[in-house]
Amino acid sequence: MQIINTLQATALLSLVLVVTGCTTAPPSTEKTAVISGSSGRKVPDGFHPAVLVYVDGQRIATGQRAVAVASGEHLVIVAPVVAGPVQQVPSATYLVSHFSNQPLYLDVAAGRTYVVGLRFTEPFDVVQLAGAWEAVLVGAPNPPSVPDQDSP
């Protein structure tokens, strides 16, 4: 009987949260901009795909490709995309803490998407723990409805 009461209470709480608007719906693009990593996107020659690691000091979840932010200046820290088996590839957080990297200060406007990549400033070798990079804007600010660069 205790389990049934717990399930009913959980269901009721979920319903209250949904009805009152406490959901994780994405923010309106009219008031926010989107900062996106370039992992899985085509980047210009001389640049490399990157994953977002921190935006304004807040850790970006592994696998999260973009984040909505308010208009204004933001500090973006990225790491290179490293291919290989998950158990052999260092995390993005590890990479930014053990390699020299320059963040990007990005002034964003509402309703735009900014794609961030990186440029290596020293040769990168994850095994030897050597290399350095700087975060760079690799995609011109586009409205959010524009498809990824990889799309036909």
Protein backbone atom coordinates (compact mmCIF):
# COMPACT_ATOMS: atom_id res chain seq x y z
CA MET A 1 0.00 0.00 0.00
CA GLN A 2 2.92 2.35 0.77
CA ILE A 3 4.25 1.88 -2.79
CA ILE A 4 0.88 2.77 -4.35
CA ASN A 5 0.64 5.95 -2.23
CA THR A 6 4.20 6.92 -3.25
CA LEU A 7 3.42 6.38 -6.94
CA GLN A 8 0.24 8.43 -6.67
CA ALA A 9 2.10 11.26 -4.92
CA THR A 10 4.83 11.21 -7.60
CA ALA A 11 2.24 11.31 -10.40
CA LEU A 12 0.42 14.19 -8.73
CA LEU A 13 3.64 16.17 -8.29
CA SER A 14 4.54 15.64 -11.96
CA LEU A 15 1.11 16.83 -13.03
CA VAL A 16 1.40 19.95 -10.84
CA LEU A 17 4.82 20.80 -12.30
CA VAL A 18 3.56 20.46 -15.86
CA VAL A 19 0.39 22.46 -15.26
CA THR A 20 2.24 25.28 -13.48
CA GLY A 21 4.83 25.54 -16.25
CA CYS A 22 7.83 24.19 -14.35
CA THR A 23 9.05 22.22 -17.33
CA THR A 24 12.35 22.21 -19.15
CA ALA A 25 10.94 23.77 -22.31
CA PRO A 26 13.57 25.60 -24.36
CA PRO A 27 13.69 29.35 -23.86
CA SER A 28 12.22 31.66 -26.49
CA THR A 29 14.69 32.37 -29.29
CA GLU A 30 13.33 35.93 -29.46
CA LYS A 31 15.14 36.76 -26.21
CA THR A 32 18.09 34.37 -26.39
CA ALA A 33 20.98 33.41 -28.63
CA VAL A 34 22.39 29.92 -29.13
CA ILE A 35 26.06 29.02 -28.76
CA SER A 36 26.85 25.69 -30.38
CA GLY A 37 29.91 23.48 -30.58
CA SER A 38 31.01 22.37 -34.03
CA SER A 39 31.18 18.63 -33.36
CA GLY A 40 29.54 16.83 -36.28
CA ARG A 41 29.63 19.93 -38.47
CA LYS A 42 31.83 20.85 -41.38
CA VAL A 43 34.34 23.51 -40.37
CA PRO A 44 36.47 25.73 -42.64
CA ASP A 45 40.01 24.62 -43.57
CA GLY A 46 42.52 25.31 -40.81
CA PHE A 47 39.94 24.88 -38.06
CA HIS A 48 38.84 21.82 -36.10
CA PRO A 49 35.53 20.68 -34.60
CA ALA A 50 35.07 21.41 -30.92
CA VAL A 51 32.74 20.52 -28.08
CA LEU A 52 31.48 23.08 -25.58
CA VAL A 53 32.97 22.55 -22.12
CA TYR A 54 32.11 25.76 -20.22
CA VAL A 55 29.99 28.80 -21.01
CA ASP A 56 30.30 31.62 -18.49
CA GLY A 57 31.91 29.21 -16.02
CA GLN A 58 29.01 26.74 -16.15
CA ARG A 59 29.93 23.18 -17.15
CA ILE A 60 28.12 22.00 -20.28
CA ALA A 61 26.85 18.43 -20.02
CA THR A 62 28.68 15.80 -22.07
CA GLY A 63 26.80 15.35 -25.32
CA GLN A 64 25.00 18.70 -25.11
CA ARG A 65 25.72 20.36 -28.43
CA ALA A 66 24.34 23.84 -27.78
CA VAL A 67 23.23 26.19 -25.03
CA ALA A 68 20.78 29.10 -25.01
CA VAL A 69 22.15 32.33 -23.53
CA ALA A 70 20.98 35.90 -23.03
CA SER A 71 22.20 38.63 -25.38
CA GLY A 72 25.57 40.09 -24.44
CA GLU A 73 29.12 38.91 -23.90
CA HIS A 74 29.88 35.31 -22.92
CA LEU A 75 33.05 33.39 -22.13
CA VAL A 76 33.24 30.11 -24.10
CA ILE A 77 35.73 27.31 -23.43
CA VAL A 78 35.93 24.39 -25.85
CA ALA A 79 37.89 21.16 -26.31
CA PRO A 80 38.83 19.30 -29.48
CA VAL A 81 36.79 16.35 -30.66
CA VAL A 82 38.95 13.27 -30.03
CA ALA A 83 37.91 10.05 -31.75
CA GLY A 84 38.35 6.62 -30.18
CA PRO A 85 36.84 4.21 -27.71
CA VAL A 86 35.14 6.00 -24.80
CA GLN A 87 37.31 4.26 -22.22
CA GLN A 88 40.49 5.47 -23.99
CA VAL A 89 39.55 9.04 -24.84
CA PRO A 90 40.02 11.71 -22.16
CA SER A 91 36.97 13.77 -21.24
CA ALA A 92 36.59 17.32 -22.51
CA THR A 93 36.96 18.58 -18.94
CA TYR A 94 40.28 16.74 -18.63
CA LEU A 95 41.49 18.19 -21.93
CA VAL A 96 40.82 21.81 -20.95
CA SER A 97 42.45 21.32 -17.56
CA HIS A 98 45.63 19.61 -18.89
CA PHE A 99 46.23 21.48 -22.17
CA SER A 100 46.84 25.15 -22.86
CA ASN A 101 43.74 26.70 -24.40
CA GLN A 102 42.44 30.19 -25.04
CA PRO A 103 38.75 30.90 -24.46
CA LEU A 104 36.55 32.95 -26.75
CA TYR A 105 34.79 36.08 -25.59
CA LEU A 106 31.68 36.19 -27.74
CA ASP A 107 29.20 39.07 -27.90
CA VAL A 108 25.89 37.51 -29.01
CA ALA A 109 22.60 38.94 -30.26
CA ALA A 110 19.18 37.43 -29.58
CA GLY A 111 17.75 35.15 -32.24
CA ARG A 112 21.16 34.11 -33.60
CA THR A 113 23.18 30.89 -33.51
CA TYR A 114 26.97 31.03 -33.07
CA VAL A 115 29.06 27.97 -33.98
CA VAL A 116 32.37 27.65 -32.13
CA GLY A 117 35.34 25.55 -33.21
CA LEU A 118 39.04 25.74 -32.53
CA ARG A 119 42.40 26.41 -34.12
CA PHE A 120 45.47 24.54 -32.88
CA THR A 121 48.27 26.93 -31.91
CA GLU A 122 50.66 24.06 -31.14
CA PRO A 123 50.57 20.51 -32.55
CA PHE A 124 48.05 18.42 -30.59
CA ASP A 125 48.98 14.95 -29.28
CA VAL A 126 46.63 13.55 -26.65
CA VAL A 127 48.97 10.64 -25.81
CA GLN A 128 51.99 12.88 -25.13
CA LEU A 129 49.84 15.56 -23.44
CA ALA A 130 51.16 18.14 -25.89
CA GLY A 131 49.42 20.89 -27.77
CA ALA A 132 47.44 24.08 -27.42
CA TRP A 133 44.40 25.65 -29.06
CA GLU A 134 42.20 28.71 -29.14
CA ALA A 135 38.43 28.82 -29.43
CA VAL A 136 37.22 30.58 -32.58
CA LEU A 137 33.92 31.39 -34.25
CA VAL A 138 33.68 29.03 -37.27
CA GLY A 139 30.09 29.71 -38.32
CA ALA A 140 28.68 33.14 -39.03
CA PRO A 141 25.82 34.08 -36.72
CA ASN A 142 22.72 32.59 -38.30
CA PRO A 143 19.08 32.53 -37.35
CA PRO A 144 18.28 29.29 -35.47
CA SER A 145 16.14 27.99 -38.34
CA VAL A 146 19.15 27.65 -40.68
CA PRO A 147 20.11 23.95 -41.01
CA ASP A 148 23.50 22.55 -40.01
CA GLN A 149 26.29 23.07 -42.53
CA ASP A 150 26.34 19.30 -43.18
CA SER A 151 22.72 19.32 -44.39
CA PRO A 152 22.10 19.25 -48.15
